[in-house]
Amino acid sequence: MNFISFDRFRKNSAVHLILLLIISISSACNTSQLANTSSNPYDPFEETNRKIHAFNKHVDETTLKPAANIYGQAIPRPLRLGTANFYENLQEPRRFVNHLGQAEFIKATSDVTRFAINTSIGIFGIFDVASRLSLFSDDTDFDETFAYWGLPIGPYMELPFVGPSSVRGSLSMLANYTLNPMSLLSGPAEGASLITFGALDILNKRYEYGTMFDTILYNSLDSYYSARSTYLQTRINEPPEPMVDDLELFDPYSDY
């Protein structure tokens, strides 16, 4: 039986090639030049980054923010949070692999347990049953794993439609994609599911954390500086510190 199509193989090969190219470029860079902290950012592309930031800010003001407000006000909160739970549950395999890569074996075990509980008892993750059992999500990604293994963050970058990032962060996004369970789907179903649930998650986060976004983008003297500082504060070239869970549990029945 042919479980993997040729197109699927070709696409994965292209992704892997890009990953290898970025790793090679990053490894060839002078580590001292790429040293980066939020107080002394390495931002050689600032002029271009500011133009992209202005574009992203315009997109947020004219499209994303209004769409998020419509989504947040039109869709009942239990349905929104249930969809968010479903999407977050799909991120557990990524967290598991990265916690292993960071030698956080207890957290990796928790990731597997959360995924098993929420996928089964929580009906594919719609209900975050694991958090009710005090098994809280501890988010991580390849950016932190690469930092753990000493890969420098590289120049700061602002990406169109994405926002603050870096060379290492861009590499992380590609690697994160390969561990999304929806990427196992073939044909149009993969693209449709990734775009749909990814877009709904973005809209929900923009609505739920609207005050924070507005403070950075519209209530600061220099929104570019604020966005860059906020990003770099959590993306320095050091192994990630243990995270403290301080999460509001998503309970689809909380409004009833």
Protein backbone atom coordinates (compact mmCIF):
# COMPACT_ATOMS: atom_id res chain seq x y z
CA MET A 1 0.00 0.00 0.00
CA ASN A 2 1.20 3.53 -0.83
CA PHE A 3 0.87 5.51 2.41
CA ILE A 4 3.12 8.38 1.33
CA SER A 5 2.65 10.06 -2.04
CA PHE A 6 5.53 11.26 -4.18
CA ASP A 7 4.41 14.88 -3.74
CA ARG A 8 4.46 14.43 0.02
CA PHE A 9 7.98 12.99 -0.12
CA ARG A 10 9.17 15.79 -2.37
CA LYS A 11 7.73 18.45 -0.08
CA ASN A 12 9.33 16.94 3.02
CA SER A 13 12.65 16.68 1.19
CA ALA A 14 12.48 20.38 0.37
CA VAL A 15 11.76 21.24 3.99
CA HIS A 16 14.69 19.12 5.17
CA LEU A 17 16.98 20.77 2.61
CA ILE A 18 15.98 24.23 3.88
CA LEU A 19 16.65 23.14 7.44
CA LEU A 20 20.12 21.91 6.52
CA LEU A 21 20.91 25.13 4.67
CA ILE A 22 19.87 27.31 7.60
CA ILE A 23 21.82 25.15 10.06
CA SER A 24 24.91 25.41 7.86
CA ILE A 25 24.61 29.19 7.54
CA SER A 26 24.01 29.63 11.27
CA SER A 27 26.92 27.38 12.18
CA ALA A 28 29.25 29.28 9.85
CA CYS A 29 28.45 32.63 11.47
CA ASN A 30 30.71 34.09 14.10
CA THR A 31 29.12 33.27 17.45
CA SER A 32 30.44 36.45 19.03
CA GLN A 33 28.77 38.51 16.32
CA LEU A 34 25.48 36.74 16.85
CA ALA A 35 25.49 37.14 20.62
CA ASN A 36 22.18 38.72 21.47
CA THR A 37 20.27 39.96 24.46
CA SER A 38 17.21 42.12 24.76
CA SER A 39 19.35 44.99 26.09
CA ASN A 40 21.88 44.83 23.23
CA PRO A 41 20.04 43.45 20.21
CA TYR A 42 21.85 42.33 17.10
CA ASP A 43 19.65 44.00 14.51
CA PRO A 44 21.66 44.64 11.32
CA PHE A 45 18.47 44.65 9.22
CA GLU A 46 16.68 47.27 11.32
CA GLU A 47 15.82 49.52 8.39
CA THR A 48 14.14 46.67 6.50
CA ASN A 49 12.67 45.23 9.69
CA ARG A 50 10.99 48.55 10.49
CA LYS A 51 9.36 48.62 7.06
CA ILE A 52 8.06 45.08 7.55
CA HIS A 53 6.91 46.01 11.07
CA ALA A 54 4.96 48.95 9.64
CA PHE A 55 3.36 46.58 7.12
CA ASN A 56 2.47 44.04 9.83
CA LYS A 57 1.06 46.81 12.01
CA HIS A 58 -1.10 48.00 9.11
CA VAL A 59 -2.34 44.44 8.52
CA ASP A 60 -3.19 44.12 12.21
CA GLU A 61 -5.00 47.44 12.33
CA THR A 62 -7.03 46.95 9.16
CA THR A 63 -7.57 43.19 9.09
CA LEU A 64 -6.43 41.05 12.01
CA LYS A 65 -7.70 43.13 14.92
CA PRO A 66 -11.18 43.77 13.39
CA ALA A 67 -11.47 40.10 12.37
CA ALA A 68 -10.44 38.96 15.85
CA ASN A 69 -13.01 41.24 17.47
CA ILE A 70 -15.75 39.91 15.18
CA TYR A 71 -14.67 36.32 15.88
CA GLY A 72 -14.48 36.90 19.63
CA GLN A 73 -17.86 38.62 19.83
CA ALA A 74 -19.75 36.44 17.36
CA ILE A 75 -18.54 33.00 18.41
CA PRO A 76 -19.59 31.81 21.89
CA ARG A 77 -16.62 31.57 24.24
CA PRO A 78 -17.13 27.86 25.01
CA LEU A 79 -16.85 27.09 21.29
CA ARG A 80 -13.80 29.33 20.86
CA LEU A 81 -12.01 27.82 23.82
CA GLY A 82 -12.91 24.29 22.80
CA THR A 83 -11.36 24.95 19.38
CA ALA A 84 -8.30 26.46 21.07
CA ASN A 85 -8.00 23.37 23.30
CA PHE A 86 -8.16 21.11 20.24
CA TYR A 87 -5.39 23.07 18.52
CA GLU A 88 -3.21 23.18 21.64
CA ASN A 89 -3.57 19.42 22.08
CA LEU A 90 -2.02 18.96 18.65
CA GLN A 91 1.07 20.79 19.89
CA GLU A 92 1.86 18.16 22.54
CA PRO A 93 3.96 15.93 20.19
CA ARG A 94 6.11 18.99 19.42
CA ARG A 95 6.50 19.75 23.12
CA PHE A 96 7.39 16.11 23.80
CA VAL A 97 10.20 16.04 21.22
CA ASN A 98 11.60 19.36 22.39
CA HIS A 99 11.51 18.46 26.07
CA LEU A 100 13.44 15.31 25.18
CA GLY A 101 15.93 17.46 23.27
CA GLN A 102 16.34 19.65 26.34
CA ALA A 103 16.80 16.62 28.65
CA GLU A 104 13.53 17.50 30.42
CA PHE A 105 12.36 13.91 30.70
CA ILE A 106 9.73 14.47 33.39
CA LYS A 107 8.14 17.19 31.28
CA ALA A 108 8.30 14.94 28.22
CA THR A 109 6.43 12.26 30.16
CA SER A 110 3.85 14.85 31.15
CA ASP A 111 3.42 15.82 27.48
CA VAL A 112 2.66 12.23 26.50
CA THR A 113 0.27 11.80 29.42
CA ARG A 114 -1.55 15.04 28.62
CA PHE A 115 -1.91 14.07 24.97
CA ALA A 116 -3.27 10.62 25.84
CA ILE A 117 -5.78 11.96 28.39
CA ASN A 118 -7.02 14.91 26.37
CA THR A 119 -7.21 12.99 23.09
CA SER A 120 -9.28 10.21 24.66
CA ILE A 121 -11.24 11.48 27.67
CA GLY A 122 -11.08 15.07 26.44
CA ILE A 123 -12.55 14.12 23.04
CA PHE A 124 -9.62 14.92 20.75
CA GLY A 125 -8.50 17.69 23.04
CA ILE A 126 -11.67 19.78 23.00
CA PHE A 127 -11.71 19.51 26.80
CA ASP A 128 -8.49 20.07 28.73
CA VAL A 129 -9.09 17.26 31.20
CA ALA A 130 -5.37 16.90 31.95
CA SER A 131 -5.15 20.40 33.42
CA ARG A 132 -8.07 19.57 35.68
CA LEU A 133 -5.93 16.72 36.93
CA SER A 134 -3.06 19.17 37.62
CA LEU A 135 -1.10 18.07 34.54
CA PHE A 136 -0.48 21.51 33.09
CA SER A 137 0.93 22.28 29.66
CA ASP A 138 4.54 23.50 29.60
CA ASP A 139 5.06 25.08 26.22
CA THR A 140 8.38 24.87 24.41
CA ASP A 141 9.62 24.73 20.85
CA PHE A 142 12.68 24.16 18.70
CA ASP A 143 13.87 27.70 19.32
CA GLU A 144 14.48 26.78 22.97
CA THR A 145 15.92 23.41 22.01
CA PHE A 146 18.37 24.98 19.57
CA ALA A 147 19.35 27.48 22.29
CA TYR A 148 19.86 24.57 24.70
CA TRP A 149 22.34 23.04 22.25
CA GLY A 150 24.19 26.32 21.81
CA LEU A 151 22.87 27.52 18.43
CA PRO A 152 23.04 31.35 18.49
CA ILE A 153 19.86 33.30 17.93
CA GLY A 154 21.32 35.18 14.98
CA PRO A 155 20.15 38.52 13.64
CA TYR A 156 16.75 39.80 14.72
CA MET A 157 14.18 39.62 11.95
CA GLU A 158 10.60 40.76 11.52
CA LEU A 159 8.77 38.49 9.11
CA PRO A 160 5.77 39.55 7.02
CA PHE A 161 2.47 38.35 8.54
CA VAL A 162 4.45 36.57 11.30
CA GLY A 163 6.08 39.33 13.31
CA PRO A 164 9.19 39.22 15.53
CA SER A 165 11.61 36.39 14.83
CA SER A 166 15.28 35.63 14.21
CA VAL A 167 17.42 33.29 12.14
CA ARG A 168 17.05 30.63 14.83
CA GLY A 169 13.36 31.42 15.23
CA SER A 170 12.76 30.99 11.49
CA LEU A 171 14.51 27.62 11.60
CA SER A 172 12.36 26.72 14.58
CA MET A 173 9.13 27.48 12.71
CA LEU A 174 10.09 25.10 9.92
CA ALA A 175 11.00 22.36 12.38
CA ASN A 176 7.80 22.91 14.38
CA TYR A 177 5.74 22.43 11.25
CA THR A 178 7.14 18.96 10.63
CA LEU A 179 5.84 17.80 14.04
CA ASN A 180 2.27 19.01 13.60
CA PRO A 181 0.06 15.89 13.44
CA MET A 182 -2.02 17.57 10.73
CA SER A 183 1.04 17.53 8.46
CA LEU A 184 0.56 13.75 8.29
CA LEU A 185 -2.58 14.30 6.23
CA SER A 186 -2.24 14.21 2.48
CA GLY A 187 -3.65 16.30 -0.30
CA PRO A 188 -5.87 19.36 0.21
CA ALA A 189 -6.94 18.15 3.66
CA GLU A 190 -3.53 18.98 5.11
CA GLY A 191 -3.41 22.56 3.86
CA ALA A 192 -7.04 23.25 4.71
CA SER A 193 -6.76 21.90 8.25
CA LEU A 194 -3.47 23.64 9.00
CA ILE A 195 -4.71 26.99 7.69
CA THR A 196 -8.14 26.74 9.29
CA PHE A 197 -7.12 25.77 12.81
CA GLY A 198 -3.99 27.90 12.68
CA ALA A 199 -6.04 30.94 11.63
CA LEU A 200 -8.67 30.33 14.31
CA ASP A 201 -5.94 30.04 16.93
CA ILE A 202 -4.42 33.35 15.80
CA LEU A 203 -7.80 35.09 15.89
CA ASN A 204 -8.57 33.72 19.34
CA LYS A 205 -5.18 34.74 20.77
CA ARG A 206 -5.48 38.21 19.21
CA TYR A 207 -8.86 38.60 20.87
CA GLU A 208 -8.03 37.05 24.26
CA TYR A 209 -4.73 38.95 24.59
CA GLY A 210 -5.89 42.06 22.78
CA THR A 211 -4.85 44.42 25.57
CA MET A 212 -1.27 43.18 25.48
CA PHE A 213 -1.05 43.46 21.68
CA ASP A 214 -2.57 46.94 21.72
CA THR A 215 -0.14 48.09 24.40
CA ILE A 216 2.85 47.01 22.30
CA LEU A 217 1.57 48.16 18.92
CA TYR A 218 -0.47 51.26 19.65
CA ASN A 219 0.27 52.51 23.17
CA SER A 220 4.06 52.69 23.07
CA LEU A 221 6.32 55.46 21.79
CA ASP A 222 8.14 53.05 19.47
CA SER A 223 6.14 49.93 18.69
CA TYR A 224 9.04 48.36 16.78
CA TYR A 225 11.34 48.72 19.77
CA SER A 226 8.65 47.38 22.13
CA ALA A 227 7.92 44.35 19.93
CA ARG A 228 11.63 43.58 19.51
CA SER A 229 12.36 43.89 23.23
CA THR A 230 9.38 41.72 24.18
CA TYR A 231 10.48 38.99 21.78
CA LEU A 232 14.16 39.02 22.73
CA GLN A 233 13.47 38.95 26.46
CA THR A 234 12.38 35.34 26.07
CA ARG A 235 14.77 34.32 23.27
CA ILE A 236 18.26 34.91 24.59
CA ASN A 237 21.16 32.52 23.95
CA GLU A 238 20.78 30.54 27.15
CA PRO A 239 19.16 27.21 28.01
CA PRO A 240 15.48 27.79 28.86
CA GLU A 241 14.65 28.19 32.51
CA PRO A 242 11.92 26.01 34.05
CA MET A 243 8.53 27.51 33.30
CA VAL A 244 5.97 28.20 36.01
CA ASP A 245 2.41 27.31 35.13
CA ASP A 246 0.07 30.24 35.60
CA LEU A 247 -2.64 29.44 33.13
CA GLU A 248 -6.34 30.08 32.95
CA LEU A 249 -7.90 26.70 32.33
CA PHE A 250 -10.04 26.53 29.22
CA ASP A 251 -13.41 25.26 30.39
CA PRO A 252 -16.03 25.23 27.58
CA TYR A 253 -18.81 25.13 30.19
CA SER A 254 -17.54 28.07 32.26
CA ASP A 255 -20.07 30.48 30.77
CA TYR A 256 -23.07 28.32 31.65
